[in-house]
Amino acid sequence: MYTWNKKNALNVLLYAVLYAALSACVCFAGAIHPIMFVCYQITAAILVTGVAITAFRRVRAPGVAACLALAMILLFFIIQDALPWHVVPLIVIGLLAEAVRALGKYNWWGDVAAAAIMTFSTFGYYGQIWLNRAFTYESAVEEMPAGYGDGLMAASPNWAFPVVMIVGVLVSIGISYLTAKLFKLEKQTEAQDSETTSAFPA
């Protein structure tokens, strides 16, 4: 029921497309105001977590996180923005999420942790605010409206980097629980699943 089959493969394909589309929405939000760029991780937690945790709970087998990451990488190639600082983080979070799920034996907590990891889909963008600050400022001055670059620098002190990531992870955990409640996702372990006949709603 929770392994790979034709129906679940189609579901994962849908989730992968949604994951890429919603991650793109996170990026578009950055154009609204510099603070939205600084808060990419929090926005991603709100928009992307539900898709990731649903995909993970529906298919408790290897490969789901890799499919989500691959969809985002393909999107970068389509929009001709497949730069190393965009693609490499996606490869890392995809592999890390797969490892966490496997170590957790595809239980609830492993999937919650993996879903939080998958919300780092836009790290290649917002991470540069702090890790490649001069380049980010120059790009903002060239590509964004007047004053955006200065506003971005003012809204992103060094202490904001860890704060944004920590808040993003906490929000992601909360969204996983909210998604499970709204869509009645199973939170049982594999061992518990073998003792019950409960299943996901059609």
N, C-alpha and C. Protein backbone atom coordinates (compact mmCIF):
# COMPACT_ATOMS: atom_id res chain seq x y z
N MET A 1 0.83 -1.20 0.00
CA MET A 1 0.00 0.00 0.00
C MET A 1 0.86 1.25 0.00
N TYR A 2 1.96 1.22 0.79
CA TYR A 2 2.80 2.41 0.91
C TYR A 2 4.09 2.26 0.11
N THR A 3 4.17 1.24 -0.74
CA THR A 3 5.36 1.02 -1.55
C THR A 3 5.12 1.56 -2.96
N TRP A 4 6.15 1.44 -3.79
CA TRP A 4 6.03 1.91 -5.16
C TRP A 4 5.08 1.03 -5.96
N ASN A 5 4.12 1.64 -6.61
CA ASN A 5 3.25 0.98 -7.57
C ASN A 5 2.83 2.04 -8.58
N LYS A 6 2.03 1.64 -9.56
CA LYS A 6 1.68 2.59 -10.62
C LYS A 6 0.96 3.82 -10.07
N LYS A 7 0.00 3.60 -9.17
CA LYS A 7 -0.77 4.72 -8.62
C LYS A 7 0.13 5.65 -7.81
N ASN A 8 0.97 5.07 -6.96
CA ASN A 8 1.85 5.90 -6.14
C ASN A 8 2.90 6.61 -6.97
N ALA A 9 3.34 5.98 -8.05
CA ALA A 9 4.31 6.63 -8.93
C ALA A 9 3.70 7.88 -9.57
N LEU A 10 2.45 7.78 -9.97
CA LEU A 10 1.76 8.93 -10.54
C LEU A 10 1.56 10.02 -9.48
N ASN A 11 1.24 9.58 -8.26
CA ASN A 11 1.08 10.55 -7.17
C ASN A 11 2.39 11.29 -6.90
N VAL A 12 3.49 10.55 -6.86
CA VAL A 12 4.79 11.18 -6.61
C VAL A 12 5.15 12.14 -7.73
N LEU A 13 4.80 11.78 -8.96
CA LEU A 13 5.04 12.69 -10.09
C LEU A 13 4.29 14.00 -9.88
N LEU A 14 3.04 13.89 -9.44
CA LEU A 14 2.25 15.09 -9.15
C LEU A 14 2.87 15.90 -8.02
N TYR A 15 3.28 15.21 -6.94
CA TYR A 15 3.90 15.91 -5.81
C TYR A 15 5.19 16.58 -6.24
N ALA A 16 5.95 15.94 -7.13
CA ALA A 16 7.22 16.51 -7.58
C ALA A 16 6.97 17.80 -8.37
N VAL A 17 5.95 17.79 -9.21
CA VAL A 17 5.61 19.00 -9.98
C VAL A 17 5.16 20.10 -9.02
N LEU A 18 4.34 19.75 -8.03
CA LEU A 18 3.88 20.74 -7.05
C LEU A 18 5.05 21.28 -6.23
N TYR A 19 5.97 20.40 -5.87
CA TYR A 19 7.14 20.80 -5.09
C TYR A 19 7.96 21.84 -5.85
N ALA A 20 8.19 21.59 -7.14
CA ALA A 20 8.97 22.53 -7.94
C ALA A 20 8.20 23.83 -8.14
N ALA A 21 6.90 23.72 -8.39
CA ALA A 21 6.09 24.92 -8.64
C ALA A 21 6.01 25.80 -7.39
N LEU A 22 5.81 25.18 -6.24
CA LEU A 22 5.70 25.96 -5.00
C LEU A 22 7.05 26.54 -4.58
N SER A 23 8.12 25.81 -4.86
CA SER A 23 9.46 26.36 -4.59
C SER A 23 9.70 27.58 -5.47
N ALA A 24 9.21 27.52 -6.70
CA ALA A 24 9.34 28.68 -7.60
C ALA A 24 8.54 29.86 -7.06
N CYS A 25 7.38 29.57 -6.47
CA CYS A 25 6.57 30.64 -5.87
C CYS A 25 7.32 31.32 -4.73
N VAL A 26 8.09 30.53 -3.99
CA VAL A 26 8.91 31.10 -2.92
C VAL A 26 9.89 32.11 -3.50
N CYS A 27 10.49 31.74 -4.64
CA CYS A 27 11.46 32.63 -5.28
C CYS A 27 10.79 33.90 -5.78
N PHE A 28 9.61 33.77 -6.37
CA PHE A 28 8.89 34.94 -6.87
C PHE A 28 8.54 35.90 -5.73
N ALA A 29 8.28 35.33 -4.56
CA ALA A 29 7.90 36.17 -3.41
C ALA A 29 9.01 37.14 -3.04
N GLY A 30 10.25 36.75 -3.32
CA GLY A 30 11.37 37.62 -2.99
C GLY A 30 11.35 38.94 -3.73
N ALA A 31 10.64 38.99 -4.87
CA ALA A 31 10.57 40.23 -5.63
C ALA A 31 9.62 41.24 -5.00
N ILE A 32 8.78 40.77 -4.09
CA ILE A 32 7.79 41.66 -3.47
C ILE A 32 8.46 42.66 -2.55
N HIS A 33 9.38 42.16 -1.72
CA HIS A 33 10.07 43.01 -0.75
C HIS A 33 11.32 42.29 -0.28
N PRO A 34 12.40 42.99 0.03
CA PRO A 34 13.63 42.34 0.49
C PRO A 34 13.42 41.40 1.67
N ILE A 35 12.52 41.74 2.58
CA ILE A 35 12.31 40.87 3.75
C ILE A 35 11.77 39.51 3.34
N MET A 36 11.04 39.47 2.20
CA MET A 36 10.54 38.20 1.70
C MET A 36 11.68 37.33 1.18
N PHE A 37 12.70 37.99 0.64
CA PHE A 37 13.90 37.27 0.19
C PHE A 37 14.64 36.71 1.39
N VAL A 38 14.81 37.52 2.41
CA VAL A 38 15.49 37.08 3.63
C VAL A 38 14.75 35.90 4.28
N CYS A 39 13.44 35.90 4.17
CA CYS A 39 12.61 34.87 4.82
C CYS A 39 12.23 33.73 3.89
N TYR A 40 13.00 33.52 2.81
CA TYR A 40 12.72 32.41 1.89
C TYR A 40 12.48 31.10 2.63
N GLN A 41 13.34 30.79 3.61
CA GLN A 41 13.25 29.50 4.29
C GLN A 41 11.92 29.33 5.01
N ILE A 42 11.43 30.40 5.60
CA ILE A 42 10.15 30.34 6.32
C ILE A 42 9.00 30.20 5.33
N THR A 43 9.06 30.95 4.24
CA THR A 43 8.04 30.84 3.20
C THR A 43 8.02 29.45 2.60
N ALA A 44 9.20 28.89 2.36
CA ALA A 44 9.30 27.53 1.82
C ALA A 44 8.70 26.51 2.79
N ALA A 45 8.93 26.72 4.08
CA ALA A 45 8.37 25.81 5.08
C ALA A 45 6.84 25.81 5.01
N ILE A 46 6.27 26.99 4.80
CA ILE A 46 4.81 27.12 4.73
C ILE A 46 4.26 26.49 3.45
N LEU A 47 4.93 26.72 2.33
CA LEU A 47 4.39 26.28 1.04
C LEU A 47 4.77 24.85 0.65
N VAL A 48 5.96 24.43 1.03
CA VAL A 48 6.50 23.17 0.49
C VAL A 48 6.32 21.97 1.41
N THR A 49 6.29 22.20 2.71
CA THR A 49 6.26 21.08 3.66
C THR A 49 5.08 20.15 3.43
N GLY A 50 3.90 20.70 3.22
CA GLY A 50 2.71 19.87 3.05
C GLY A 50 2.85 18.88 1.91
N VAL A 51 3.45 19.33 0.81
CA VAL A 51 3.65 18.46 -0.34
C VAL A 51 4.63 17.34 0.00
N ALA A 52 5.74 17.72 0.63
CA ALA A 52 6.78 16.74 0.95
C ALA A 52 6.29 15.69 1.93
N ILE A 53 5.65 16.11 3.03
CA ILE A 53 5.22 15.14 4.04
C ILE A 53 4.13 14.22 3.49
N THR A 54 3.26 14.75 2.64
CA THR A 54 2.22 13.91 2.04
C THR A 54 2.84 12.87 1.12
N ALA A 55 3.79 13.28 0.30
CA ALA A 55 4.48 12.34 -0.58
C ALA A 55 5.19 11.26 0.22
N PHE A 56 5.85 11.65 1.31
CA PHE A 56 6.60 10.70 2.12
C PHE A 56 5.69 9.69 2.82
N ARG A 57 4.54 10.16 3.30
CA ARG A 57 3.65 9.24 4.01
C ARG A 57 2.90 8.32 3.06
N ARG A 58 2.72 8.75 1.83
CA ARG A 58 2.03 7.90 0.86
C ARG A 58 2.94 6.84 0.27
N VAL A 59 4.23 7.14 0.17
CA VAL A 59 5.19 6.16 -0.35
C VAL A 59 6.34 6.04 0.64
N ARG A 60 6.30 5.00 1.44
CA ARG A 60 7.32 4.81 2.48
C ARG A 60 8.39 3.87 1.95
N ALA A 61 9.10 4.38 0.97
CA ALA A 61 10.13 3.62 0.27
C ALA A 61 11.16 4.59 -0.28
N PRO A 62 12.33 4.10 -0.64
CA PRO A 62 13.38 4.99 -1.17
C PRO A 62 12.96 5.66 -2.47
N GLY A 63 13.53 6.83 -2.72
CA GLY A 63 13.37 7.48 -4.01
C GLY A 63 12.46 8.68 -4.07
N VAL A 64 11.60 8.85 -3.07
CA VAL A 64 10.63 9.95 -3.13
C VAL A 64 11.33 11.31 -3.02
N ALA A 65 12.20 11.46 -2.04
CA ALA A 65 12.92 12.72 -1.87
C ALA A 65 13.76 13.03 -3.11
N ALA A 66 14.37 12.01 -3.67
CA ALA A 66 15.18 12.19 -4.88
C ALA A 66 14.32 12.70 -6.03
N CYS A 67 13.09 12.20 -6.13
CA CYS A 67 12.18 12.65 -7.19
C CYS A 67 11.82 14.12 -7.01
N LEU A 68 11.57 14.54 -5.78
CA LEU A 68 11.24 15.94 -5.51
C LEU A 68 12.41 16.85 -5.88
N ALA A 69 13.60 16.46 -5.45
CA ALA A 69 14.79 17.26 -5.75
C ALA A 69 15.05 17.31 -7.25
N LEU A 70 14.86 16.18 -7.92
CA LEU A 70 15.09 16.12 -9.36
C LEU A 70 14.13 17.04 -10.11
N ALA A 71 12.89 17.12 -9.65
CA ALA A 71 11.92 18.00 -10.30
C ALA A 71 12.38 19.45 -10.24
N MET A 72 12.91 19.86 -9.09
CA MET A 72 13.39 21.23 -8.93
C MET A 72 14.63 21.47 -9.80
N ILE A 73 15.50 20.49 -9.88
CA ILE A 73 16.70 20.61 -10.72
C ILE A 73 16.30 20.74 -12.19
N LEU A 74 15.32 19.94 -12.61
CA LEU A 74 14.84 20.03 -14.00
C LEU A 74 14.25 21.41 -14.28
N LEU A 75 13.54 21.97 -13.29
CA LEU A 75 13.00 23.31 -13.46
C LEU A 75 14.11 24.32 -13.67
N PHE A 76 15.20 24.18 -12.92
CA PHE A 76 16.32 25.10 -13.09
C PHE A 76 16.90 25.01 -14.50
N PHE A 77 16.96 23.78 -15.04
CA PHE A 77 17.46 23.63 -16.41
C PHE A 77 16.49 24.25 -17.41
N ILE A 78 15.21 24.09 -17.16
CA ILE A 78 14.20 24.65 -18.07
C ILE A 78 14.28 26.16 -18.12
N ILE A 79 14.47 26.78 -16.95
CA ILE A 79 14.54 28.25 -16.92
C ILE A 79 15.97 28.75 -17.11
N GLN A 80 16.87 27.82 -17.44
CA GLN A 80 18.28 28.14 -17.72
C GLN A 80 18.95 28.83 -16.54
N ASP A 81 18.70 28.30 -15.36
CA ASP A 81 19.30 28.84 -14.14
C ASP A 81 19.95 27.72 -13.32
N ALA A 82 20.38 26.66 -14.01
CA ALA A 82 20.95 25.50 -13.34
C ALA A 82 22.42 25.74 -12.98
N LEU A 83 22.64 26.72 -12.12
CA LEU A 83 23.99 27.05 -11.68
C LEU A 83 24.39 26.15 -10.51
N PRO A 84 25.67 25.96 -10.28
CA PRO A 84 26.11 25.05 -9.21
C PRO A 84 25.51 25.37 -7.84
N TRP A 85 25.41 26.69 -7.51
CA TRP A 85 24.91 27.03 -6.18
C TRP A 85 23.40 26.80 -6.04
N HIS A 86 22.73 26.49 -7.16
CA HIS A 86 21.33 26.10 -7.10
C HIS A 86 21.17 24.59 -7.10
N VAL A 87 21.94 23.93 -7.97
CA VAL A 87 21.79 22.49 -8.16
C VAL A 87 22.42 21.68 -7.02
N VAL A 88 23.63 22.05 -6.61
CA VAL A 88 24.34 21.28 -5.58
C VAL A 88 23.54 21.18 -4.27
N PRO A 89 22.99 22.29 -3.75
CA PRO A 89 22.18 22.16 -2.53
C PRO A 89 21.00 21.21 -2.68
N LEU A 90 20.40 21.17 -3.86
CA LEU A 90 19.27 20.26 -4.09
C LEU A 90 19.72 18.80 -4.08
N ILE A 91 20.89 18.55 -4.65
CA ILE A 91 21.43 17.19 -4.60
C ILE A 91 21.70 16.79 -3.16
N VAL A 92 22.27 17.71 -2.40
CA VAL A 92 22.59 17.43 -0.99
C VAL A 92 21.33 17.17 -0.17
N ILE A 93 20.31 18.04 -0.29
CA ILE A 93 19.11 17.84 0.52
C ILE A 93 18.35 16.60 0.08
N GLY A 94 18.40 16.28 -1.21
CA GLY A 94 17.73 15.07 -1.68
C GLY A 94 18.36 13.82 -1.08
N LEU A 95 19.69 13.76 -1.12
CA LEU A 95 20.41 12.61 -0.56
C LEU A 95 20.25 12.55 0.96
N LEU A 96 20.32 13.72 1.61
CA LEU A 96 20.19 13.75 3.06
C LEU A 96 18.80 13.31 3.50
N ALA A 97 17.78 13.78 2.80
CA ALA A 97 16.41 13.39 3.14
C ALA A 97 16.21 11.89 2.94
N GLU A 98 16.79 11.35 1.87
CA GLU A 98 16.70 9.90 1.64
C GLU A 98 17.36 9.13 2.78
N ALA A 99 18.53 9.61 3.22
CA ALA A 99 19.26 8.94 4.30
C ALA A 99 18.48 9.00 5.61
N VAL A 100 17.90 10.16 5.92
CA VAL A 100 17.14 10.32 7.16
C VAL A 100 15.91 9.41 7.15
N ARG A 101 15.23 9.34 6.02
CA ARG A 101 14.05 8.47 5.93
C ARG A 101 14.45 7.00 6.11
N ALA A 102 15.54 6.60 5.49
CA ALA A 102 15.99 5.21 5.60
C ALA A 102 16.40 4.88 7.03
N LEU A 103 17.15 5.78 7.67
CA LEU A 103 17.57 5.56 9.05
C LEU A 103 16.37 5.49 9.99
N GLY A 104 15.34 6.26 9.69
CA GLY A 104 14.12 6.24 10.50
C GLY A 104 13.17 5.13 10.12
N LYS A 105 13.58 4.31 9.15
CA LYS A 105 12.75 3.20 8.66
C LYS A 105 11.39 3.69 8.20
N TYR A 106 11.40 4.88 7.61
CA TYR A 106 10.20 5.47 6.99
C TYR A 106 9.06 5.66 7.99
N ASN A 107 9.44 5.97 9.24
CA ASN A 107 8.42 6.25 10.24
C ASN A 107 8.06 7.73 10.21
N TRP A 108 7.13 8.12 11.08
CA TRP A 108 6.62 9.48 11.08
C TRP A 108 7.70 10.51 11.32
N TRP A 109 8.50 10.32 12.37
CA TRP A 109 9.49 11.33 12.72
C TRP A 109 10.57 11.45 11.66
N GLY A 110 10.93 10.32 11.04
CA GLY A 110 11.90 10.39 9.96
C GLY A 110 11.38 11.19 8.78
N ASP A 111 10.09 11.01 8.50
CA ASP A 111 9.48 11.74 7.39
C ASP A 111 9.31 13.23 7.72
N VAL A 112 9.01 13.54 8.97
CA VAL A 112 8.90 14.96 9.37
C VAL A 112 10.26 15.64 9.21
N ALA A 113 11.31 14.96 9.67
CA ALA A 113 12.66 15.53 9.53
C ALA A 113 13.04 15.68 8.07
N ALA A 114 12.72 14.67 7.25
CA ALA A 114 13.05 14.73 5.82
C ALA A 114 12.27 15.84 5.12
N ALA A 115 11.02 16.03 5.52
CA ALA A 115 10.21 17.11 4.92
C ALA A 115 10.82 18.47 5.25
N ALA A 116 11.30 18.62 6.49
CA ALA A 116 11.96 19.88 6.87
C ALA A 116 13.22 20.10 6.04
N ILE A 117 13.95 19.03 5.79
CA ILE A 117 15.16 19.14 4.96
C ILE A 117 14.80 19.57 3.54
N MET A 118 13.71 19.05 3.02
CA MET A 118 13.31 19.37 1.65
C MET A 118 12.84 20.81 1.49
N THR A 119 12.56 21.49 2.59
CA THR A 119 12.17 22.90 2.49
C THR A 119 13.36 23.80 2.18
N PHE A 120 14.56 23.25 2.18
CA PHE A 120 15.75 24.04 1.85
C PHE A 120 15.97 24.10 0.33
N SER A 121 14.90 23.93 -0.44
CA SER A 121 14.98 23.91 -1.90
C SER A 121 15.48 25.21 -2.49
N THR A 122 15.30 26.32 -1.78
CA THR A 122 15.73 27.62 -2.31
C THR A 122 16.99 28.13 -1.61
N PHE A 123 17.69 27.25 -0.92
CA PHE A 123 18.90 27.68 -0.19
C PHE A 123 19.93 28.29 -1.12
N GLY A 124 20.02 27.77 -2.34
CA GLY A 124 20.98 28.30 -3.30
C GLY A 124 20.77 29.77 -3.62
N TYR A 125 19.53 30.24 -3.41
CA TYR A 125 19.23 31.65 -3.60
C TYR A 125 19.53 32.45 -2.33
N TYR A 126 18.77 32.15 -1.26
CA TYR A 126 18.86 33.01 -0.09
C TYR A 126 20.15 32.83 0.69
N GLY A 127 20.79 31.67 0.60
CA GLY A 127 22.04 31.46 1.32
C GLY A 127 23.12 32.44 0.90
N GLN A 128 23.04 32.89 -0.35
CA GLN A 128 24.06 33.81 -0.84
C GLN A 128 23.95 35.20 -0.24
N ILE A 129 22.79 35.49 0.35
CA ILE A 129 22.66 36.79 1.02
C ILE A 129 23.76 36.94 2.07
N TRP A 130 24.08 35.84 2.74
CA TRP A 130 25.10 35.88 3.80
C TRP A 130 26.43 35.26 3.37
N LEU A 131 26.39 34.25 2.49
CA LEU A 131 27.60 33.55 2.11
C LEU A 131 28.32 34.19 0.93
N ASN A 132 27.61 34.97 0.15
CA ASN A 132 28.21 35.64 -1.02
C ASN A 132 27.60 37.03 -1.12
N ARG A 133 27.82 37.80 -0.07
CA ARG A 133 27.11 39.06 0.16
C ARG A 133 27.36 40.11 -0.93
N ALA A 134 28.60 40.27 -1.33
CA ALA A 134 28.93 41.28 -2.34
C ALA A 134 28.24 40.97 -3.66
N PHE A 135 28.27 39.70 -4.06
CA PHE A 135 27.63 39.29 -5.31
C PHE A 135 26.12 39.52 -5.25
N THR A 136 25.53 39.18 -4.11
CA THR A 136 24.08 39.35 -3.95
C THR A 136 23.70 40.82 -4.05
N TYR A 137 24.48 41.66 -3.42
CA TYR A 137 24.18 43.10 -3.46
C TYR A 137 24.28 43.63 -4.89
N GLU A 138 25.35 43.26 -5.58
CA GLU A 138 25.54 43.73 -6.96
C GLU A 138 24.40 43.25 -7.86
N SER A 139 24.00 42.00 -7.68
CA SER A 139 22.90 41.45 -8.49
C SER A 139 21.60 42.18 -8.20
N ALA A 140 21.35 42.46 -6.91
CA ALA A 140 20.12 43.16 -6.53
C ALA A 140 20.08 44.57 -7.11
N VAL A 141 21.22 45.24 -7.12
CA VAL A 141 21.29 46.60 -7.67
C VAL A 141 21.02 46.59 -9.17
N GLU A 142 21.55 45.57 -9.86
CA GLU A 142 21.42 45.49 -11.31
C GLU A 142 20.03 45.02 -11.76
N GLU A 143 19.45 44.07 -11.02
CA GLU A 143 18.25 43.39 -11.50
C GLU A 143 16.95 43.83 -10.83
N MET A 144 17.04 44.45 -9.66
CA MET A 144 15.84 44.80 -8.91
C MET A 144 15.61 46.31 -8.90
N PRO A 145 14.43 46.75 -8.45
CA PRO A 145 14.14 48.19 -8.41
C PRO A 145 15.13 48.95 -7.53
N ALA A 146 15.20 50.25 -7.74
CA ALA A 146 16.11 51.10 -6.96
C ALA A 146 15.83 50.97 -5.48
N GLY A 147 16.88 50.82 -4.71
CA GLY A 147 16.75 50.72 -3.26
C GLY A 147 16.59 49.30 -2.75
N TYR A 148 16.33 48.33 -3.65
CA TYR A 148 16.13 46.95 -3.21
C TYR A 148 17.41 46.40 -2.58
N GLY A 149 18.54 46.63 -3.23
CA GLY A 149 19.80 46.09 -2.73
C GLY A 149 20.13 46.60 -1.34
N ASP A 150 19.99 47.91 -1.13
CA ASP A 150 20.26 48.49 0.19
C ASP A 150 19.27 47.97 1.23
N GLY A 151 18.01 47.84 0.81
CA GLY A 151 17.01 47.31 1.73
C GLY A 151 17.30 45.87 2.11
N LEU A 152 17.79 45.09 1.15
CA LEU A 152 18.13 43.70 1.41
C LEU A 152 19.28 43.58 2.41
N MET A 153 20.29 44.40 2.24
CA MET A 153 21.42 44.36 3.15
C MET A 153 21.00 44.78 4.56
N ALA A 154 20.13 45.78 4.64
CA ALA A 154 19.68 46.25 5.95
C ALA A 154 18.80 45.22 6.65
N ALA A 155 18.09 44.41 5.86
CA ALA A 155 17.16 43.43 6.44
C ALA A 155 17.82 42.08 6.72
N SER A 156 19.13 41.98 6.48
CA SER A 156 19.78 40.68 6.63
C SER A 156 21.07 40.75 7.45
N PRO A 157 21.00 41.16 8.72
CA PRO A 157 22.19 41.12 9.58
C PRO A 157 22.65 39.67 9.74
N ASN A 158 23.87 39.47 10.15
CA ASN A 158 24.42 38.12 10.25
C ASN A 158 23.60 37.19 11.14
N TRP A 159 23.06 37.74 12.24
CA TRP A 159 22.30 36.89 13.16
C TRP A 159 21.00 36.37 12.54
N ALA A 160 20.54 37.01 11.47
CA ALA A 160 19.28 36.60 10.85
C ALA A 160 19.41 35.26 10.14
N PHE A 161 20.61 34.92 9.69
CA PHE A 161 20.82 33.67 8.95
C PHE A 161 20.40 32.44 9.77
N PRO A 162 20.99 32.22 10.95
CA PRO A 162 20.56 31.04 11.73
C PRO A 162 19.13 31.16 12.22
N VAL A 163 18.69 32.38 12.52
CA VAL A 163 17.31 32.55 13.02
C VAL A 163 16.30 32.14 11.97
N VAL A 164 16.52 32.57 10.73
CA VAL A 164 15.60 32.23 9.64
C VAL A 164 15.56 30.72 9.44
N MET A 165 16.71 30.06 9.49
CA MET A 165 16.74 28.61 9.29
C MET A 165 16.05 27.87 10.43
N ILE A 166 16.31 28.29 11.67
CA ILE A 166 15.69 27.62 12.82
C ILE A 166 14.18 27.81 12.81
N VAL A 167 13.74 29.04 12.57
CA VAL A 167 12.30 29.30 12.51
C VAL A 167 11.67 28.51 11.37
N GLY A 168 12.36 28.43 10.24
CA GLY A 168 11.85 27.67 9.11
C GLY A 168 11.65 26.21 9.43
N VAL A 169 12.60 25.62 10.14
CA VAL A 169 12.48 24.21 10.52
C VAL A 169 11.32 24.00 11.50
N LEU A 170 11.19 24.89 12.47
CA LEU A 170 10.09 24.78 13.44
C LEU A 170 8.73 24.93 12.75
N VAL A 171 8.64 25.87 11.82
CA VAL A 171 7.40 26.05 11.07
C VAL A 171 7.10 24.80 10.25
N SER A 172 8.14 24.22 9.66
CA SER A 172 7.95 23.01 8.85
C SER A 172 7.39 21.87 9.69
N ILE A 173 7.91 21.70 10.90
CA ILE A 173 7.40 20.64 11.78
C ILE A 173 5.93 20.87 12.08
N GLY A 174 5.58 22.12 12.37
CA GLY A 174 4.19 22.45 12.64
C GLY A 174 3.29 22.19 11.44
N ILE A 175 3.78 22.54 10.25
CA ILE A 175 3.00 22.32 9.02
C ILE A 175 2.81 20.83 8.77
N SER A 176 3.82 20.01 9.09
CA SER A 176 3.68 18.56 8.92
C SER A 176 2.53 18.02 9.78
N TYR A 177 2.46 18.48 11.02
CA TYR A 177 1.37 18.03 11.90
C TYR A 177 0.02 18.55 11.42
N LEU A 178 -0.01 19.79 10.95
CA LEU A 178 -1.26 20.36 10.45
C LEU A 178 -1.72 19.61 9.20
N THR A 179 -0.78 19.29 8.32
CA THR A 179 -1.12 18.54 7.10
C THR A 179 -1.65 17.16 7.44
N ALA A 180 -0.99 16.51 8.41
CA ALA A 180 -1.44 15.17 8.82
C ALA A 180 -2.86 15.21 9.36
N LYS A 181 -3.17 16.25 10.10
CA LYS A 181 -4.52 16.38 10.67
C LYS A 181 -5.56 16.68 9.60
N LEU A 182 -5.24 17.59 8.69
CA LEU A 182 -6.19 17.99 7.66
C LEU A 182 -6.45 16.87 6.65
N PHE A 183 -5.40 16.15 6.30
CA PHE A 183 -5.53 15.13 5.25
C PHE A 183 -5.50 13.70 5.82
N LYS A 184 -5.57 13.61 7.15
CA LYS A 184 -5.65 12.31 7.82
C LYS A 184 -4.51 11.39 7.40
N LEU A 185 -3.32 11.92 7.40
CA LEU A 185 -2.14 11.11 7.09
C LEU A 185 -1.80 10.23 8.28
N GLU A 186 -1.42 9.00 8.01
CA GLU A 186 -1.05 8.07 9.07
C GLU A 186 0.27 8.49 9.71
N LYS A 187 0.33 8.42 11.04
CA LYS A 187 1.57 8.74 11.75
C LYS A 187 2.12 7.50 12.45
N GLN A 188 1.65 6.34 12.05
CA GLN A 188 2.09 5.10 12.69
C GLN A 188 3.41 4.64 12.10
N THR A 189 4.10 3.79 12.85
CA THR A 189 5.34 3.20 12.36
C THR A 189 5.00 2.02 11.48
N GLU A 190 5.99 1.50 10.79
CA GLU A 190 5.78 0.34 9.91
C GLU A 190 5.25 -0.84 10.70
N ALA A 191 5.78 -1.04 11.91
CA ALA A 191 5.34 -2.15 12.74
C ALA A 191 3.88 -2.00 13.12
N GLN A 192 3.49 -0.78 13.44
CA GLN A 192 2.11 -0.53 13.81
C GLN A 192 1.19 -0.70 12.61
N ASP A 193 1.68 -0.32 11.42
CA ASP A 193 0.87 -0.44 10.22
C ASP A 193 0.52 -1.89 9.94
N SER A 194 1.43 -2.80 10.28
CA SER A 194 1.18 -4.21 10.02
C SER A 194 0.11 -4.78 10.94
N GLU A 195 -0.25 -4.03 11.99
CA GLU A 195 -1.22 -4.50 12.95
C GLU A 195 -2.58 -3.84 12.77
N THR A 196 -2.71 -3.01 11.76
CA THR A 196 -3.97 -2.30 11.58
C THR A 196 -4.38 -2.33 10.12
N THR A 197 -5.63 -2.13 9.87
CA THR A 197 -6.13 -2.13 8.50
C THR A 197 -6.42 -0.72 8.02
N SER A 198 -6.09 0.27 8.86
CA SER A 198 -6.36 1.65 8.47
C SER A 198 -5.51 2.03 7.28
N ALA A 199 -6.04 2.92 6.43
CA ALA A 199 -5.33 3.34 5.21
C ALA A 199 -5.65 4.78 4.90
N PHE A 200 -4.93 5.29 3.94
CA PHE A 200 -5.18 6.66 3.54
C PHE A 200 -6.53 6.76 2.86
N PRO A 201 -7.18 7.91 3.00
CA PRO A 201 -8.43 8.11 2.27
C PRO A 201 -8.15 8.17 0.78
N ALA A 202 -9.10 7.73 0.00
CA ALA A 202 -8.92 7.73 -1.46
C ALA A 202 -8.82 9.17 -1.96
